[in-house]
């Protein structure tokens, strides 16, 4: 019995050491989305910078539903600078939550599907995604709108939180 409990103690100790040594830690000075407002639509929500103006709309002619996706009756329209952003949410055909983002700049429009459980939008028109859709860990990503596309800004590491 002593050998088993000693082995369990060593296993627990080593797992604490490995978790502390290799898991991402929050950065000092990093501010979460404090004071962001919650905009609810289609059974989901998005965190928005308080200065962004938004409204829930019923449909948008340019908003296409890819095969197997259903974005429901409500879309979110956000005015960010000189561009209009339309956001749709779907649980996906197999419970894989995702957001469809459509950006209009004048007559030009670009779109991107972001597979994520949660999303936030800053006043700089950047998107921050958080979730483990189609991944085995919680992945955090950042997206920025350029002239031709919605581009993922590569991060040095995806944040893998520790369970201690």
Protein backbone atom coordinates (compact mmCIF):
# COMPACT_ATOMS: atom_id res chain seq x y z
CA UNK A 1 0.00 0.00 0.00
CA UNK A 2 2.90 2.37 0.77
CA UNK A 3 4.36 1.84 -2.70
CA UNK A 4 1.06 2.74 -4.36
CA UNK A 5 0.55 5.92 -2.31
CA UNK A 6 4.23 6.89 -2.81
CA UNK A 7 3.81 6.40 -6.58
CA UNK A 8 0.66 8.52 -6.61
CA UNK A 9 2.44 11.30 -4.69
CA UNK A 10 5.34 11.29 -7.17
CA UNK A 11 2.92 11.33 -10.09
CA UNK A 12 0.99 14.30 -8.66
CA UNK A 13 4.19 16.21 -7.84
CA UNK A 14 5.67 15.66 -11.30
CA UNK A 15 2.44 16.72 -13.01
CA UNK A 16 2.40 19.95 -10.99
CA UNK A 17 6.00 20.63 -11.99
CA UNK A 18 5.35 19.95 -15.68
CA UNK A 19 2.19 22.09 -15.66
CA UNK A 20 4.00 24.97 -13.98
CA UNK A 21 6.99 24.75 -16.31
CA UNK A 22 5.31 24.39 -19.68
CA UNK A 23 1.88 26.01 -19.51
CA UNK A 24 1.21 29.55 -20.61
CA UNK A 25 0.84 32.08 -17.83
CA UNK A 26 -1.14 35.32 -18.13
CA UNK A 27 1.00 38.28 -19.13
CA UNK A 28 1.44 41.04 -16.60
CA UNK A 29 -0.30 44.22 -17.67
CA UNK A 30 -2.60 42.36 -20.06
CA UNK A 31 -6.14 43.68 -19.76
CA UNK A 32 -9.05 41.41 -20.58
CA UNK A 33 -12.12 42.74 -22.29
CA UNK A 34 -13.09 44.98 -19.39
CA UNK A 35 -16.29 46.96 -19.83
CA UNK A 36 -17.04 45.32 -23.17
CA UNK A 37 -20.76 45.04 -23.81
CA UNK A 38 -22.54 41.81 -24.59
CA UNK A 39 -24.50 41.77 -27.85
CA UNK A 40 -26.86 38.79 -28.01
CA UNK A 41 -28.15 37.35 -31.27
CA UNK A 42 -29.28 33.99 -32.63
CA UNK A 43 -28.73 32.16 -29.35
CA UNK A 44 -25.16 33.36 -28.97
CA UNK A 45 -23.33 36.52 -28.04
CA UNK A 46 -20.29 38.58 -28.94
CA UNK A 47 -18.29 40.96 -26.77
CA UNK A 48 -18.06 44.43 -28.31
CA UNK A 49 -15.96 47.44 -27.47
CA UNK A 50 -18.30 49.97 -25.83
CA UNK A 51 -17.76 52.61 -28.54
CA UNK A 52 -18.96 50.31 -31.36
CA UNK A 53 -22.54 50.76 -32.55
CA UNK A 54 -24.51 47.64 -33.45
CA UNK A 55 -27.97 46.36 -34.21
CA UNK A 56 -29.60 42.98 -34.72
CA UNK A 57 -30.86 42.54 -38.29
CA UNK A 58 -33.08 39.82 -39.78
CA UNK A 59 -31.20 39.17 -43.02
CA UNK A 60 -28.55 40.45 -45.40
CA UNK A 61 -28.59 39.77 -49.14
CA UNK A 62 -24.80 39.33 -49.32
CA UNK A 63 -24.68 36.92 -46.38
CA UNK A 64 -24.37 33.36 -47.71
CA UNK A 65 -24.81 30.23 -45.69
CA UNK A 66 -22.17 27.63 -46.56
CA UNK A 67 -23.24 24.01 -46.94
CA UNK A 68 -24.46 22.58 -43.65
CA UNK A 69 -24.46 25.92 -41.83
CA UNK A 70 -27.57 27.68 -40.65
CA UNK A 71 -27.15 31.16 -39.25
CA UNK A 72 -30.75 31.55 -38.11
CA UNK A 73 -33.01 34.55 -38.17
CA UNK A 74 -30.71 37.06 -36.54
CA UNK A 75 -27.44 38.59 -37.70
CA UNK A 76 -25.46 41.28 -35.95
CA UNK A 77 -24.49 44.41 -37.88
CA UNK A 78 -21.63 46.43 -36.38
CA UNK A 79 -20.38 49.80 -37.63
CA UNK A 80 -16.61 49.94 -37.22
CA UNK A 81 -14.92 52.96 -38.73
CA UNK A 82 -15.90 53.30 -42.39
CA UNK A 83 -16.88 49.69 -42.74
CA UNK A 84 -19.95 47.66 -41.94
CA UNK A 85 -19.45 44.22 -40.39
CA UNK A 86 -22.19 41.59 -40.45
CA UNK A 87 -21.75 38.64 -38.09
CA UNK A 88 -23.66 35.37 -38.07
CA UNK A 89 -23.45 32.50 -35.59
CA UNK A 90 -24.05 28.80 -36.20
CA UNK A 91 -23.70 25.74 -34.00
CA UNK A 92 -22.62 23.86 -37.12
CA UNK A 93 -23.89 20.50 -38.34
CA UNK A 94 -22.09 18.59 -35.55
CA UNK A 95 -22.01 21.14 -32.71
CA UNK A 96 -18.94 22.95 -34.03
CA UNK A 97 -19.72 26.59 -33.20
CA UNK A 98 -18.54 29.16 -35.70
CA UNK A 99 -18.98 32.78 -36.65
CA UNK A 100 -19.30 34.00 -40.23
CA UNK A 101 -17.88 37.50 -40.65
CA UNK A 102 -18.81 39.67 -43.65
CA UNK A 103 -17.07 43.04 -44.03
CA UNK A 104 -18.22 45.75 -46.44
CA UNK A 105 -15.95 48.55 -47.57
CA UNK A 106 -17.90 50.60 -50.06
CA UNK A 107 -18.99 48.22 -52.84
CA UNK A 108 -16.38 45.60 -51.95
CA UNK A 109 -17.06 42.79 -49.45
CA UNK A 110 -14.90 40.11 -47.89
CA UNK A 111 -15.83 37.24 -45.60
CA UNK A 112 -14.26 34.69 -43.26
CA UNK A 113 -15.52 31.82 -41.17
CA UNK A 114 -14.01 31.73 -37.68
CA UNK A 115 -14.47 28.43 -35.85
CA UNK A 116 -14.81 29.43 -32.22
CA UNK A 117 -17.11 29.27 -29.22
CA UNK A 118 -16.60 32.90 -28.20
CA UNK A 119 -15.58 36.04 -30.02
CA UNK A 120 -14.85 39.67 -29.17
CA UNK A 121 -14.46 42.72 -31.42
CA UNK A 122 -12.32 45.74 -30.57
CA UNK A 123 -12.77 49.34 -31.72
CA UNK A 124 -9.77 48.74 -34.05
CA UNK A 125 -12.01 46.23 -35.90
CA UNK A 126 -9.96 43.26 -34.73
CA UNK A 127 -11.53 39.96 -33.71
CA UNK A 128 -10.39 37.83 -30.81
CA UNK A 129 -11.59 34.22 -30.89
CA UNK A 130 -11.52 31.80 -27.99
CA UNK A 131 -12.63 28.17 -27.92
CA UNK A 132 -11.81 24.60 -28.81
CA UNK A 133 -13.90 24.11 -31.93
CA UNK A 134 -12.29 21.26 -33.93
CA UNK A 135 -9.32 21.29 -31.51
CA UNK A 136 -8.43 19.28 -28.46
CA UNK A 137 -7.45 22.39 -26.50
CA UNK A 138 -8.70 25.92 -25.94
CA UNK A 139 -7.23 28.01 -28.77
CA UNK A 140 -7.03 31.80 -28.79
CA UNK A 141 -6.66 33.61 -32.09
CA UNK A 142 -6.56 37.19 -33.34
CA UNK A 143 -7.89 38.40 -36.71
CA UNK A 144 -7.49 41.73 -38.46
CA UNK A 145 -9.33 43.20 -41.43
CA UNK A 146 -7.10 44.13 -44.37
CA UNK A 147 -8.07 45.51 -47.79
CA UNK A 148 -8.42 42.04 -49.34
CA UNK A 149 -9.14 39.60 -46.51
CA UNK A 150 -9.73 38.96 -42.85
CA UNK A 151 -6.28 37.80 -41.85
CA UNK A 152 -5.28 35.73 -38.84
CA UNK A 153 -2.45 37.43 -36.99
CA UNK A 154 -0.07 34.64 -36.05
CA UNK A 155 0.60 34.42 -32.34
CA UNK A 156 3.84 33.00 -30.93
CA UNK A 157 1.81 30.39 -29.05
CA UNK A 158 -1.78 29.36 -28.76
CA UNK A 159 -2.62 29.66 -25.10
CA UNK A 160 -2.95 26.24 -23.49
CA UNK A 161 -4.37 26.81 -20.01
CA UNK A 162 -3.23 24.69 -17.08
CA UNK A 163 -5.51 22.76 -14.81
CA UNK A 164 -3.81 22.56 -11.44
